[in-house]
Amino acid sequence: MRRLKSHNPFTIKELFRILCFEYRIVSVDYFLDKMSRDECIWILQNLEYTDKNLWEASRFKVFSTIAMFSKNKPSLTDILRFPWESEEKQTDEPQQPGMTDEERHAAEAYIISVLEKQNKE
């Protein structure tokens, strides 16, 4: 998603089209009535992983076909290497936690406040 890294944000129309119709990640009702800005950002930052299983299955089909006719046994990554595989190899070191304790507490407080607000309604 090159556009996500630029300073030009998506318009609401583009977000609506991408999330509700192209990727079918959220329903129209949820997008229009309930979805928060943070949810939208998190989803957009991870769109590249939405079709990961489909890509893996397609690569395996190609691999199976090639392996039947090949004298040398190729590996799956010889056929096609995906961006998430290079990320996994680069992160062999122990990973830092995704959120600090302060961020985690703030997120928990926000979730609790939203749930309390929904319970009052």
PDB file of N, CA and C in Angstrom:
ATOM      1  N   MET A   1       0.841  -1.171   0.000  1.00  0.00           N
ATOM      2  CA  MET A   1       0.000   0.000   0.000  1.00  0.00           C
ATOM      3  C   MET A   1       0.895   1.247   0.000  1.00  0.00           C
ATOM      4  N   ARG A   2       1.384   1.614  -1.143  1.00  0.00           N
ATOM      5  CA  ARG A   2       2.259   2.771  -1.232  1.00  0.00           C
ATOM      6  C   ARG A   2       1.596   4.036  -0.740  1.00  0.00           C
ATOM      7  N   ARG A   3       0.331   4.145  -1.031  1.00  0.00           N
ATOM      8  CA  ARG A   3      -0.360   5.374  -0.720  1.00  0.00           C
ATOM      9  C   ARG A   3      -0.495   5.628   0.776  1.00  0.00           C
ATOM     10  N   LEU A   4      -0.524   4.552   1.533  1.00  0.00           N
ATOM     11  CA  LEU A   4      -0.670   4.684   2.975  1.00  0.00           C
ATOM     12  C   LEU A   4       0.534   5.374   3.598  1.00  0.00           C
ATOM     13  N   LYS A   5       1.708   5.166   3.028  1.00  0.00           N
ATOM     14  CA  LYS A   5       2.911   5.744   3.585  1.00  0.00           C
ATOM     15  C   LYS A   5       3.076   7.207   3.181  1.00  0.00           C
ATOM     16  N   SER A   6       2.348   7.659   2.192  1.00  0.00           N
ATOM     17  CA  SER A   6       2.461   9.047   1.768  1.00  0.00           C
ATOM     18  C   SER A   6       1.674   9.948   2.715  1.00  0.00           C
ATOM     19  N   HIS A   7       1.795  11.227   2.496  1.00  0.00           N
ATOM     20  CA  HIS A   7       1.107  12.191   3.350  1.00  0.00           C
ATOM     21  C   HIS A   7      -0.301  12.499   2.859  1.00  0.00           C
ATOM     22  N   ASN A   8      -0.698  11.920   1.735  1.00  0.00           N
ATOM     23  CA  ASN A   8      -2.042  12.135   1.215  1.00  0.00           C
ATOM     24  C   ASN A   8      -2.943  11.020   1.718  1.00  0.00           C
ATOM     25  N   PRO A   9      -3.840  11.306   2.659  1.00  0.00           N
ATOM     26  CA  PRO A   9      -4.696  10.245   3.190  1.00  0.00           C
ATOM     27  C   PRO A   9      -5.771   9.840   2.179  1.00  0.00           C
ATOM     28  N   PHE A  10      -6.318   8.680   2.413  1.00  0.00           N
ATOM     29  CA  PHE A  10      -7.433   8.227   1.596  1.00  0.00           C
ATOM     30  C   PHE A  10      -8.648   9.095   1.889  1.00  0.00           C
ATOM     31  N   THR A  11      -9.497   9.239   0.902  1.00  0.00           N
ATOM     32  CA  THR A  11     -10.767   9.920   1.148  1.00  0.00           C
ATOM     33  C   THR A  11     -11.726   8.905   1.763  1.00  0.00           C
ATOM     34  N   ILE A  12     -12.811   9.393   2.339  1.00  0.00           N
ATOM     35  CA  ILE A  12     -13.819   8.501   2.917  1.00  0.00           C
ATOM     36  C   ILE A  12     -14.392   7.577   1.846  1.00  0.00           C
ATOM     37  N   LYS A  13     -14.606   8.118   0.649  1.00  0.00           N
ATOM     38  CA  LYS A  13     -15.133   7.292  -0.439  1.00  0.00           C
ATOM     39  C   LYS A  13     -14.182   6.149  -0.779  1.00  0.00           C
ATOM     40  N   GLU A  14     -12.881   6.455  -0.816  1.00  0.00           N
ATOM     41  CA  GLU A  14     -11.906   5.410  -1.124  1.00  0.00           C
ATOM     42  C   GLU A  14     -11.856   4.358  -0.020  1.00  0.00           C
ATOM     43  N   LEU A  15     -11.874   4.806   1.232  1.00  0.00           N
ATOM     44  CA  LEU A  15     -11.876   3.868   2.354  1.00  0.00           C
ATOM     45  C   LEU A  15     -13.110   2.971   2.303  1.00  0.00           C
ATOM     46  N   PHE A  16     -14.245   3.568   2.041  1.00  0.00           N
ATOM     47  CA  PHE A  16     -15.506   2.828   1.945  1.00  0.00           C
ATOM     48  C   PHE A  16     -15.407   1.754   0.863  1.00  0.00           C
ATOM     49  N   ARG A  17     -14.920   2.133  -0.307  1.00  0.00           N
ATOM     50  CA  ARG A  17     -14.796   1.202  -1.427  1.00  0.00           C
ATOM     51  C   ARG A  17     -13.813   0.074  -1.094  1.00  0.00           C
ATOM     52  N   ILE A  18     -12.671   0.428  -0.531  1.00  0.00           N
ATOM     53  CA  ILE A  18     -11.630  -0.564  -0.240  1.00  0.00           C
ATOM     54  C   ILE A  18     -12.085  -1.552   0.823  1.00  0.00           C
ATOM     55  N   LEU A  19     -12.567  -1.037   1.945  1.00  0.00           N
ATOM     56  CA  LEU A  19     -12.878  -1.903   3.082  1.00  0.00           C
ATOM     57  C   LEU A  19     -14.193  -2.658   2.943  1.00  0.00           C
ATOM     58  N   CYS A  20     -15.174  -2.055   2.292  1.00  0.00           N
ATOM     59  CA  CYS A  20     -16.492  -2.706   2.200  1.00  0.00           C
ATOM     60  C   CYS A  20     -16.673  -3.535   0.938  1.00  0.00           C
ATOM     61  N   PHE A  21     -16.062  -3.122  -0.166  1.00  0.00           N
ATOM     62  CA  PHE A  21     -16.352  -3.801  -1.424  1.00  0.00           C
ATOM     63  C   PHE A  21     -15.156  -4.556  -2.008  1.00  0.00           C
ATOM     64  N   GLU A  22     -13.987  -3.939  -2.065  1.00  0.00           N
ATOM     65  CA  GLU A  22     -12.837  -4.640  -2.641  1.00  0.00           C
ATOM     66  C   GLU A  22     -12.391  -5.803  -1.768  1.00  0.00           C
ATOM     67  N   TYR A  23     -12.146  -5.532  -0.494  1.00  0.00           N
ATOM     68  CA  TYR A  23     -11.635  -6.569   0.394  1.00  0.00           C
ATOM     69  C   TYR A  23     -12.729  -7.230   1.233  1.00  0.00           C
ATOM     70  N   ARG A  24     -13.901  -6.629   1.296  1.00  0.00           N
ATOM     71  CA  ARG A  24     -15.029  -7.151   2.075  1.00  0.00           C
ATOM     72  C   ARG A  24     -14.633  -7.460   3.526  1.00  0.00           C
ATOM     73  N   ILE A  25     -13.926  -6.518   4.117  1.00  0.00           N
ATOM     74  CA  ILE A  25     -13.449  -6.685   5.486  1.00  0.00           C
ATOM     75  C   ILE A  25     -14.531  -6.316   6.489  1.00  0.00           C
ATOM     76  N   VAL A  26     -15.258  -5.253   6.226  1.00  0.00           N
ATOM     77  CA  VAL A  26     -16.315  -4.810   7.136  1.00  0.00           C
ATOM     78  C   VAL A  26     -17.607  -4.605   6.361  1.00  0.00           C
ATOM     79  N   SER A  27     -18.707  -4.678   7.074  1.00  0.00           N
ATOM     80  CA  SER A  27     -19.997  -4.444   6.435  1.00  0.00           C
ATOM     81  C   SER A  27     -20.213  -2.940   6.266  1.00  0.00           C
ATOM     82  N   VAL A  28     -21.122  -2.605   5.388  1.00  0.00           N
ATOM     83  CA  VAL A  28     -21.439  -1.196   5.150  1.00  0.00           C
ATOM     84  C   VAL A  28     -21.954  -0.559   6.438  1.00  0.00           C
ATOM     85  N   ASP A  29     -22.855  -1.240   7.137  1.00  0.00           N
ATOM     86  CA  ASP A  29     -23.404  -0.695   8.383  1.00  0.00           C
ATOM     87  C   ASP A  29     -22.316  -0.431   9.405  1.00  0.00           C
ATOM     88  N   TYR A  30     -21.408  -1.386   9.552  1.00  0.00           N
ATOM     89  CA  TYR A  30     -20.338  -1.216  10.535  1.00  0.00           C
ATOM     90  C   TYR A  30     -19.441  -0.042  10.155  1.00  0.00           C
ATOM     91  N   PHE A  31     -19.081   0.041   8.879  1.00  0.00           N
ATOM     92  CA  PHE A  31     -18.216   1.139   8.426  1.00  0.00           C
ATOM     93  C   PHE A  31     -18.874   2.487   8.686  1.00  0.00           C
ATOM     94  N   LEU A  32     -20.141   2.597   8.354  1.00  0.00           N
ATOM     95  CA  LEU A  32     -20.822   3.894   8.459  1.00  0.00           C
ATOM     96  C   LEU A  32     -21.185   4.277   9.890  1.00  0.00           C
ATOM     97  N   ASP A  33     -21.482   3.288  10.738  1.00  0.00           N
ATOM     98  CA  ASP A  33     -22.018   3.618  12.058  1.00  0.00           C
ATOM     99  C   ASP A  33     -21.080   3.359  13.235  1.00  0.00           C
ATOM    100  N   LYS A  34     -20.207   2.370  13.128  1.00  0.00           N
ATOM    101  CA  LYS A  34     -19.477   1.944  14.319  1.00  0.00           C
ATOM    102  C   LYS A  34     -17.960   2.029  14.226  1.00  0.00           C
ATOM    103  N   MET A  35     -17.419   1.989  13.035  1.00  0.00           N
ATOM    104  CA  MET A  35     -15.975   1.872  12.881  1.00  0.00           C
ATOM    105  C   MET A  35     -15.245   3.122  13.352  1.00  0.00           C
ATOM    106  N   SER A  36     -14.203   2.899  14.160  1.00  0.00           N
ATOM    107  CA  SER A  36     -13.411   4.034  14.640  1.00  0.00           C
ATOM    108  C   SER A  36     -12.262   4.319  13.678  1.00  0.00           C
ATOM    109  N   ARG A  37     -11.689   5.470  13.823  1.00  0.00           N
ATOM    110  CA  ARG A  37     -10.551   5.877  12.997  1.00  0.00           C
ATOM    111  C   ARG A  37      -9.371   4.919  13.221  1.00  0.00           C
ATOM    112  N   ASP A  38      -9.135   4.540  14.476  1.00  0.00           N
ATOM    113  CA  ASP A  38      -8.032   3.635  14.789  1.00  0.00           C
ATOM    114  C   ASP A  38      -8.214   2.270  14.132  1.00  0.00           C
ATOM    115  N   GLU A  39      -9.421   1.751  14.147  1.00  0.00           N
ATOM    116  CA  GLU A  39      -9.686   0.471  13.492  1.00  0.00           C
ATOM    117  C   GLU A  39      -9.353   0.556  12.013  1.00  0.00           C
ATOM    118  N   CYS A  40      -9.770   1.638  11.410  1.00  0.00           N
ATOM    119  CA  CYS A  40      -9.534   1.848   9.992  1.00  0.00           C
ATOM    120  C   CYS A  40      -8.027   1.867   9.702  1.00  0.00           C
ATOM    121  N   ILE A  41      -7.279   2.565  10.520  1.00  0.00           N
ATOM    122  CA  ILE A  41      -5.825   2.651  10.342  1.00  0.00           C
ATOM    123  C   ILE A  41      -5.192   1.277  10.496  1.00  0.00           C
ATOM    124  N   TRP A  42      -5.588   0.523  11.518  1.00  0.00           N
ATOM    125  CA  TRP A  42      -5.019  -0.815  11.742  1.00  0.00           C
ATOM    126  C   TRP A  42      -5.302  -1.737  10.570  1.00  0.00           C
ATOM    127  N   ILE A  43      -6.510  -1.674  10.059  1.00  0.00           N
ATOM    128  CA  ILE A  43      -6.862  -2.525   8.923  1.00  0.00           C
ATOM    129  C   ILE A  43      -6.039  -2.140   7.700  1.00  0.00           C
ATOM    130  N   LEU A  44      -5.946  -0.849   7.427  1.00  0.00           N
ATOM    131  CA  LEU A  44      -5.199  -0.401   6.254  1.00  0.00           C
ATOM    132  C   LEU A  44      -3.722  -0.771   6.341  1.00  0.00           C
ATOM    133  N   GLN A  45      -3.161  -0.729   7.525  1.00  0.00           N
ATOM    134  CA  GLN A  45      -1.753  -1.077   7.688  1.00  0.00           C
ATOM    135  C   GLN A  45      -1.494  -2.565   7.466  1.00  0.00           C
ATOM    136  N   ASN A  46      -2.528  -3.375   7.515  1.00  0.00           N
ATOM    137  CA  ASN A  46      -2.354  -4.821   7.368  1.00  0.00           C
ATOM    138  C   ASN A  46      -3.072  -5.412   6.168  1.00  0.00           C
ATOM    139  N   LEU A  47      -3.475  -4.578   5.227  1.00  0.00           N
ATOM    140  CA  LEU A  47      -4.193  -5.081   4.055  1.00  0.00           C
ATOM    141  C   LEU A  47      -3.382  -6.086   3.247  1.00  0.00           C
ATOM    142  N   GLU A  48      -2.078  -5.933   3.244  1.00  0.00           N
ATOM    143  CA  GLU A  48      -1.257  -6.836   2.445  1.00  0.00           C
ATOM    144  C   GLU A  48      -1.365  -8.284   2.911  1.00  0.00           C
ATOM    145  N   TYR A  49      -1.844  -8.499   4.127  1.00  0.00           N
ATOM    146  CA  TYR A  49      -1.945  -9.853   4.667  1.00  0.00           C
ATOM    147  C   TYR A  49      -3.327 -10.476   4.474  1.00  0.00           C
ATOM    148  N   THR A  50      -4.285  -9.746   3.900  1.00  0.00           N
ATOM    149  CA  THR A  50      -5.643 -10.274   3.779  1.00  0.00           C
ATOM    150  C   THR A  50      -5.724 -11.488   2.863  1.00  0.00           C
ATOM    151  N   ASP A  51      -4.908 -11.525   1.834  1.00  0.00           N
ATOM    152  CA  ASP A  51      -4.956 -12.639   0.885  1.00  0.00           C
ATOM    153  C   ASP A  51      -3.789 -13.597   1.054  1.00  0.00           C
ATOM    154  N   LYS A  52      -3.148 -13.564   2.200  1.00  0.00           N
ATOM    155  CA  LYS A  52      -1.953 -14.378   2.442  1.00  0.00           C
ATOM    156  C   LYS A  52      -2.228 -15.862   2.211  1.00  0.00           C
ATOM    157  N   ASN A  53      -3.318 -16.384   2.745  1.00  0.00           N
ATOM    158  CA  ASN A  53      -3.620 -17.813   2.582  1.00  0.00           C
ATOM    159  C   ASN A  53      -3.875 -18.191   1.132  1.00  0.00           C
ATOM    160  N   LEU A  54      -4.539 -17.303   0.391  1.00  0.00           N
ATOM    161  CA  LEU A  54      -4.787 -17.575  -1.026  1.00  0.00           C
ATOM    162  C   LEU A  54      -3.475 -17.628  -1.809  1.00  0.00           C
ATOM    163  N   TRP A  55      -2.572 -16.697  -1.513  1.00  0.00           N
ATOM    164  CA  TRP A  55      -1.281 -16.687  -2.183  1.00  0.00           C
ATOM    165  C   TRP A  55      -0.484 -17.939  -1.830  1.00  0.00           C
ATOM    166  N   GLU A  56      -0.515 -18.330  -0.571  1.00  0.00           N
ATOM    167  CA  GLU A  56       0.210 -19.531  -0.151  1.00  0.00           C
ATOM    168  C   GLU A  56      -0.346 -20.767  -0.867  1.00  0.00           C
ATOM    169  N   ALA A  57      -1.656 -20.878  -0.961  1.00  0.00           N
ATOM    170  CA  ALA A  57      -2.273 -22.022  -1.632  1.00  0.00           C
ATOM    171  C   ALA A  57      -1.910 -22.044  -3.114  1.00  0.00           C
ATOM    172  N   SER A  58      -1.926 -20.890  -3.748  1.00  0.00           N
ATOM    173  CA  SER A  58      -1.568 -20.813  -5.172  1.00  0.00           C
ATOM    174  C   SER A  58      -0.118 -21.221  -5.387  1.00  0.00           C
ATOM    175  N   ARG A  59       0.762 -20.739  -4.521  1.00  0.00           N
ATOM    176  CA  ARG A  59       2.179 -21.106  -4.650  1.00  0.00           C
ATOM    177  C   ARG A  59       2.357 -22.606  -4.465  1.00  0.00           C
ATOM    178  N   PHE A  60       1.619 -23.198  -3.541  1.00  0.00           N
ATOM    179  CA  PHE A  60       1.751 -24.635  -3.308  1.00  0.00           C
ATOM    180  C   PHE A  60       1.289 -25.436  -4.525  1.00  0.00           C
ATOM    181  N   LYS A  61       0.239 -24.977  -5.187  1.00  0.00           N
ATOM    182  CA  LYS A  61      -0.227 -25.660  -6.402  1.00  0.00           C
ATOM    183  C   LYS A  61       0.851 -25.629  -7.481  1.00  0.00           C
ATOM    184  N   VAL A  62       1.451 -24.455  -7.667  1.00  0.00           N
ATOM    185  CA  VAL A  62       2.523 -24.325  -8.661  1.00  0.00           C
ATOM    186  C   VAL A  62       3.705 -25.206  -8.262  1.00  0.00           C
ATOM    187  N   PHE A  63       4.063 -25.180  -6.990  1.00  0.00           N
ATOM    188  CA  PHE A  63       5.162 -25.994  -6.484  1.00  0.00           C
ATOM    189  C   PHE A  63       4.916 -27.470  -6.744  1.00  0.00           C
ATOM    190  N   SER A  64       3.708 -27.930  -6.475  1.00  0.00           N
ATOM    191  CA  SER A  64       3.371 -29.346  -6.677  1.00  0.00           C
ATOM    192  C   SER A  64       3.526 -29.742  -8.137  1.00  0.00           C
ATOM    193  N   THR A  65       3.088 -28.879  -9.017  1.00  0.00           N
ATOM    194  CA  THR A  65       3.183 -29.165 -10.450  1.00  0.00           C
ATOM    195  C   THR A  65       4.641 -29.207 -10.896  1.00  0.00           C
ATOM    196  N   ILE A  66       5.410 -28.230 -10.470  1.00  0.00           N
ATOM    197  CA  ILE A  66       6.819 -28.176 -10.871  1.00  0.00           C
ATOM    198  C   ILE A  66       7.604 -29.343 -10.279  1.00  0.00           C
ATOM    199  N   ALA A  67       7.324 -29.691  -9.027  1.00  0.00           N
ATOM    200  CA  ALA A  67       8.069 -30.757  -8.354  1.00  0.00           C
ATOM    201  C   ALA A  67       7.894 -32.106  -9.048  1.00  0.00           C
ATOM    202  N   MET A  68       6.734 -32.348  -9.644  1.00  0.00           N
ATOM    203  CA  MET A  68       6.497 -33.625 -10.329  1.00  0.00           C
ATOM    204  C   MET A  68       7.417 -33.797 -11.529  1.00  0.00           C
ATOM    205  N   PHE A  69       7.770 -32.708 -12.191  1.00  0.00           N
ATOM    206  CA  PHE A  69       8.542 -32.783 -13.425  1.00  0.00           C
ATOM    207  C   PHE A  69       9.993 -32.346 -13.265  1.00  0.00           C
ATOM    208  N   SER A  70      10.387 -32.028 -12.065  1.00  0.00           N
ATOM    209  CA  SER A  70      11.734 -31.508 -11.835  1.00  0.00           C
ATOM    210  C   SER A  70      12.635 -32.585 -11.234  1.00  0.00           C
ATOM    211  N   LYS A  71      13.875 -32.672 -11.742  1.00  0.00           N
ATOM    212  CA  LYS A  71      14.847 -33.596 -11.152  1.00  0.00           C
ATOM    213  C   LYS A  71      15.347 -33.038  -9.829  1.00  0.00           C
ATOM    214  N   ASN A  72      15.564 -31.734  -9.796  1.00  0.00           N
ATOM    215  CA  ASN A  72      15.956 -31.072  -8.555  1.00  0.00           C
ATOM    216  C   ASN A  72      14.694 -30.712  -7.794  1.00  0.00           C
ATOM    217  N   LYS A  73      14.692 -30.936  -6.518  1.00  0.00           N
ATOM    218  CA  LYS A  73      13.505 -30.636  -5.722  1.00  0.00           C
ATOM    219  C   LYS A  73      13.590 -29.187  -5.221  1.00  0.00           C
ATOM    220  N   PRO A  74      12.800 -28.307  -5.814  1.00  0.00           N
ATOM    221  CA  PRO A  74      12.824 -26.907  -5.369  1.00  0.00           C
ATOM    222  C   PRO A  74      12.088 -26.751  -4.035  1.00  0.00           C
ATOM    223  N   SER A  75      12.397 -25.684  -3.346  1.00  0.00           N
ATOM    224  CA  SER A  75      11.639 -25.370  -2.128  1.00  0.00           C
ATOM    225  C   SER A  75      10.537 -24.388  -2.506  1.00  0.00           C
ATOM    226  N   LEU A  76       9.603 -24.215  -1.614  1.00  0.00           N
ATOM    227  CA  LEU A  76       8.511 -23.277  -1.886  1.00  0.00           C
ATOM    228  C   LEU A  76       9.045 -21.874  -2.149  1.00  0.00           C
ATOM    229  N   THR A  77      10.055 -21.465  -1.401  1.00  0.00           N
ATOM    230  CA  THR A  77      10.583 -20.108  -1.590  1.00  0.00           C
ATOM    231  C   THR A  77      11.402 -19.981  -2.867  1.00  0.00           C
ATOM    232  N   ASP A  78      11.857 -21.107  -3.440  1.00  0.00           N
ATOM    233  CA  ASP A  78      12.511 -21.044  -4.750  1.00  0.00           C
ATOM    234  C   ASP A  78      11.499 -20.678  -5.824  1.00  0.00           C
ATOM    235  N   ILE A  79      10.272 -21.109  -5.651  1.00  0.00           N
ATOM    236  CA  ILE A  79       9.210 -20.830  -6.613  1.00  0.00           C
ATOM    237  C   ILE A  79       8.823 -19.355  -6.544  1.00  0.00           C
ATOM    238  N   LEU A  80       8.546 -18.905  -5.340  1.00  0.00           N
ATOM    239  CA  LEU A  80       8.120 -17.518  -5.141  1.00  0.00           C
ATOM    240  C   LEU A  80       8.322 -17.153  -3.683  1.00  0.00           C
ATOM    241  N   ARG A  81       9.004 -16.051  -3.435  1.00  0.00           N
ATOM    242  CA  ARG A  81       9.218 -15.571  -2.070  1.00  0.00           C
ATOM    243  C   ARG A  81       8.272 -14.391  -1.834  1.00  0.00           C
ATOM    244  N   PHE A  82       7.536 -14.464  -0.736  1.00  0.00           N
ATOM    245  CA  PHE A  82       6.594 -13.416  -0.390  1.00  0.00           C
ATOM    246  C   PHE A  82       7.224 -12.408   0.553  1.00  0.00           C
ATOM    247  N   PRO A  83       6.701 -11.194   0.579  1.00  0.00           N
ATOM    248  CA  PRO A  83       7.268 -10.158   1.459  1.00  0.00           C
ATOM    249  C   PRO A  83       7.260 -10.565   2.930  1.00  0.00           C
ATOM    250  N   TRP A  84       6.241 -11.279   3.377  1.00  0.00           N
ATOM    251  CA  TRP A  84       6.177 -11.635   4.791  1.00  0.00           C
ATOM    252  C   TRP A  84       7.222 -12.682   5.162  1.00  0.00           C
ATOM    253  N   GLU A  85       7.732 -13.414   4.196  1.00  0.00           N
ATOM    254  CA  GLU A  85       8.790 -14.384   4.495  1.00  0.00           C
ATOM    255  C   GLU A  85      10.115 -13.691   4.746  1.00  0.00           C
ATOM    256  N   SER A  86      10.396 -12.652   4.009  1.00  0.00           N
ATOM    257  CA  SER A  86      11.638 -11.922   4.259  1.00  0.00           C
ATOM    258  C   SER A  86      11.552 -11.193   5.597  1.00  0.00           C
ATOM    259  N   GLU A  87      10.351 -10.754   5.977  1.00  0.00           N
ATOM    260  CA  GLU A  87      10.162 -10.121   7.281  1.00  0.00           C
ATOM    261  C   GLU A  87      10.425 -11.121   8.399  1.00  0.00           C
ATOM    262  N   GLU A  88       9.941 -12.347   8.232  1.00  0.00           N
ATOM    263  CA  GLU A  88      10.112 -13.373   9.254  1.00  0.00           C
ATOM    264  C   GLU A  88      11.583 -13.723   9.433  1.00  0.00           C
ATOM    265  N   LYS A  89      12.333 -13.805   8.346  1.00  0.00           N
ATOM    266  CA  LYS A  89      13.742 -14.141   8.449  1.00  0.00           C
ATOM    267  C   LYS A  89      14.534 -13.022   9.096  1.00  0.00           C
ATOM    268  N   GLN A  90      14.159 -11.777   8.848  1.00  0.00           N
ATOM    269  CA  GLN A  90      14.869 -10.646   9.427  1.00  0.00           C
ATOM    270  C   GLN A  90      14.609 -10.533  10.918  1.00  0.00           C
ATOM    271  N   THR A  91      13.527 -11.094  11.391  1.00  0.00           N
ATOM    272  CA  THR A  91      13.165 -10.953  12.799  1.00  0.00           C
ATOM    273  C   THR A  91      13.449 -12.224  13.585  1.00  0.00           C
ATOM    274  N   ASP A  92      14.623 -12.820  13.364  1.00  0.00           N
ATOM    275  CA  ASP A  92      15.011 -13.990  14.138  1.00  0.00           C
ATOM    276  C   ASP A  92      15.371 -13.610  15.574  1.00  0.00           C
ATOM    277  N   GLU A  93      15.701 -12.345  15.782  1.00  0.00           N
ATOM    278  CA  GLU A  93      16.023 -11.876  17.125  1.00  0.00           C
ATOM    279  C   GLU A  93      14.743 -11.833  17.955  1.00  0.00           C
ATOM    280  N   PRO A  94      14.884 -11.865  19.282  1.00  0.00           N
ATOM    281  CA  PRO A  94      13.683 -11.735  20.113  1.00  0.00           C
ATOM    282  C   PRO A  94      12.954 -10.435  19.792  1.00  0.00           C
ATOM    283  N   GLN A  95      11.657 -10.541  19.615  1.00  0.00           N
ATOM    284  CA  GLN A  95      10.883  -9.369  19.225  1.00  0.00           C
ATOM    285  C   GLN A  95      10.510  -8.532  20.432  1.00  0.00           C
ATOM    286  N   GLN A  96      10.506  -7.239  20.216  1.00  0.00           N
ATOM    287  CA  GLN A  96      10.066  -6.308  21.242  1.00  0.00           C
ATOM    288  C   GLN A  96       8.545  -6.386  21.313  1.00  0.00           C
ATOM    289  N   PRO A  97       7.967  -6.166  22.467  1.00  0.00           N
ATOM    290  CA  PRO A  97       6.508  -6.185  22.540  1.00  0.00           C
ATOM    291  C   PRO A  97       5.919  -5.093  21.655  1.00  0.00           C
ATOM    292  N   GLY A  98       4.752  -5.368  21.101  1.00  0.00           N
ATOM    293  CA  GLY A  98       4.119  -4.420  20.192  1.00  0.00           C
ATOM    294  C   GLY A  98       3.656  -3.149  20.876  1.00  0.00           C
ATOM    295  N   MET A  99       3.282  -3.246  22.141  1.00  0.00           N
ATOM    296  CA  MET A  99       2.772  -2.073  22.855  1.00  0.00           C
ATOM    297  C   MET A  99       3.520  -1.933  24.178  1.00  0.00           C
ATOM    298  N   THR A 100       3.708  -0.685  24.568  1.00  0.00           N
ATOM    299  CA  THR A 100       4.276  -0.459  25.895  1.00  0.00           C
ATOM    300  C   THR A 100       3.171  -0.662  26.924  1.00  0.00           C
ATOM    301  N   ASP A 101       3.559  -0.738  28.188  1.00  0.00           N
ATOM    302  CA  ASP A 101       2.557  -0.899  29.244  1.00  0.00           C
ATOM    303  C   ASP A 101       1.602   0.283  29.266  1.00  0.00           C
ATOM    304  N   GLU A 102       2.128   1.488  29.049  1.00  0.00           N
ATOM    305  CA  GLU A 102       1.273   2.681  29.043  1.00  0.00           C
ATOM    306  C   GLU A 102       0.248   2.608  27.921  1.00  0.00           C
ATOM    307  N   GLU A 103       0.697   2.194  26.735  1.00  0.00           N
ATOM    308  CA  GLU A 103      -0.216   2.081  25.601  1.00  0.00           C
ATOM    309  C   GLU A 103      -1.272   1.006  25.858  1.00  0.00           C
ATOM    310  N   ARG A 104      -0.846  -0.099  26.458  1.00  0.00           N
ATOM    311  CA  ARG A 104      -1.774  -1.189  26.757  1.00  0.00           C
ATOM    312  C   ARG A 104      -2.839  -0.739  27.755  1.00  0.00           C
ATOM    313  N   HIS A 105      -2.408  -0.024  28.802  1.00  0.00           N
ATOM    314  CA  HIS A 105      -3.362   0.464  29.801  1.00  0.00           C
ATOM    315  C   HIS A 105      -4.323   1.483  29.194  1.00  0.00           C
ATOM    316  N   ALA A 106      -3.800   2.343  28.330  1.00  0.00           N
ATOM    317  CA  ALA A 106      -4.659   3.331  27.662  1.00  0.00           C
ATOM    318  C   ALA A 106      -5.685   2.629  26.767  1.00  0.00           C
ATOM    319  N   ALA A 107      -5.245   1.599  26.053  1.00  0.00           N
ATOM    320  CA  ALA A 107      -6.159   0.854  25.184  1.00  0.00           C
ATOM    321  C   ALA A 107      -7.222   0.134  26.017  1.00  0.00           C
ATOM    322  N   GLU A 108      -6.805  -0.473  27.117  1.00  0.00           N
ATOM    323  CA  GLU A 108      -7.765  -1.157  27.988  1.00  0.00           C
ATOM    324  C   GLU A 108      -8.781  -0.175  28.552  1.00  0.00           C
ATOM    325  N   ALA A 109      -8.302   0.996  28.978  1.00  0.00           N
ATOM    326  CA  ALA A 109      -9.208   2.010  29.524  1.00  0.00           C
ATOM    327  C   ALA A 109     -10.202   2.467  28.463  1.00  0.00           C
ATOM    328  N   TYR A 110      -9.723   2.631  27.243  1.00  0.00           N
ATOM    329  CA  TYR A 110     -10.603   3.052  26.154  1.00  0.00           C
ATOM    330  C   TYR A 110     -11.661   1.981  25.882  1.00  0.00           C
ATOM    331  N   ILE A 111     -11.243   0.730  25.809  1.00  0.00           N
ATOM    332  CA  ILE A 111     -12.185  -0.360  25.547  1.00  0.00           C
ATOM    333  C   ILE A 111     -13.227  -0.449  26.655  1.00  0.00           C
ATOM    334  N   ILE A 112     -12.787  -0.326  27.896  1.00  0.00           N
ATOM    335  CA  ILE A 112     -13.714  -0.379  29.025  1.00  0.00           C
ATOM    336  C   ILE A 112     -14.707   0.771  28.957  1.00  0.00           C
ATOM    337  N   SER A 113     -14.224   1.977  28.611  1.00  0.00           N
ATOM    338  CA  SER A 113     -15.136   3.120  28.533  1.00  0.00           C
ATOM    339  C   SER A 113     -16.163   2.931  27.422  1.00  0.00           C
ATOM    340  N   VAL A 114     -15.733   2.366  26.297  1.00  0.00           N
ATOM    341  CA  VAL A 114     -16.663   2.117  25.196  1.00  0.00           C
ATOM    342  C   VAL A 114     -17.696   1.073  25.601  1.00  0.00           C
ATOM    343  N   LEU A 115     -17.244   0.007  26.250  1.00  0.00           N
ATOM    344  CA  LEU A 115     -18.179  -1.034  26.681  1.00  0.00           C
ATOM    345  C   LEU A 115     -19.167  -0.497  27.712  1.00  0.00           C
ATOM    346  N   GLU A 116     -18.704   0.319  28.655  1.00  0.00           N
ATOM    347  CA  GLU A 116     -19.605   0.918  29.651  1.00  0.00           C
ATOM    348  C   GLU A 116     -20.618   1.832  28.981  1.00  0.00           C
ATOM    349  N   LYS A 117     -20.158   2.588  27.982  1.00  0.00           N
ATOM    350  CA  LYS A 117     -21.062   3.485  27.261  1.00  0.00           C
ATOM    351  C   LYS A 117     -22.129   2.680  26.507  1.00  0.00           C
ATOM    352  N   GLN A 118     -21.726   1.553  25.907  1.00  0.00           N
ATOM    353  CA  GLN A 118     -22.685   0.712  25.198  1.00  0.00           C
ATOM    354  C   GLN A 118     -23.681   0.076  26.170  1.00  0.00           C
ATOM    355  N   ASN A 119     -23.228  -0.297  27.337  1.00  0.00           N
ATOM    356  CA  ASN A 119     -24.118  -0.905  28.335  1.00  0.00           C
ATOM    357  C   ASN A 119     -25.150   0.085  28.857  1.00  0.00           C
ATOM    358  N   LYS A 120     -24.777   1.358  28.918  1.00  0.00           N
ATOM    359  CA  LYS A 120     -25.720   2.387  29.383  1.00  0.00           C
ATOM    360  C   LYS A 120     -26.814   2.659  28.376  1.00  0.00           C
ATOM    361  N   GLU A 121     -26.489   2.432  27.101  1.00  0.00           N
ATOM    362  CA  GLU A 121     -27.460   2.708  26.037  1.00  0.00           C
ATOM    363  C   GLU A 121     -28.434   1.630  25.922  1.00  0.00           C
TER     364      GLU A 121
END
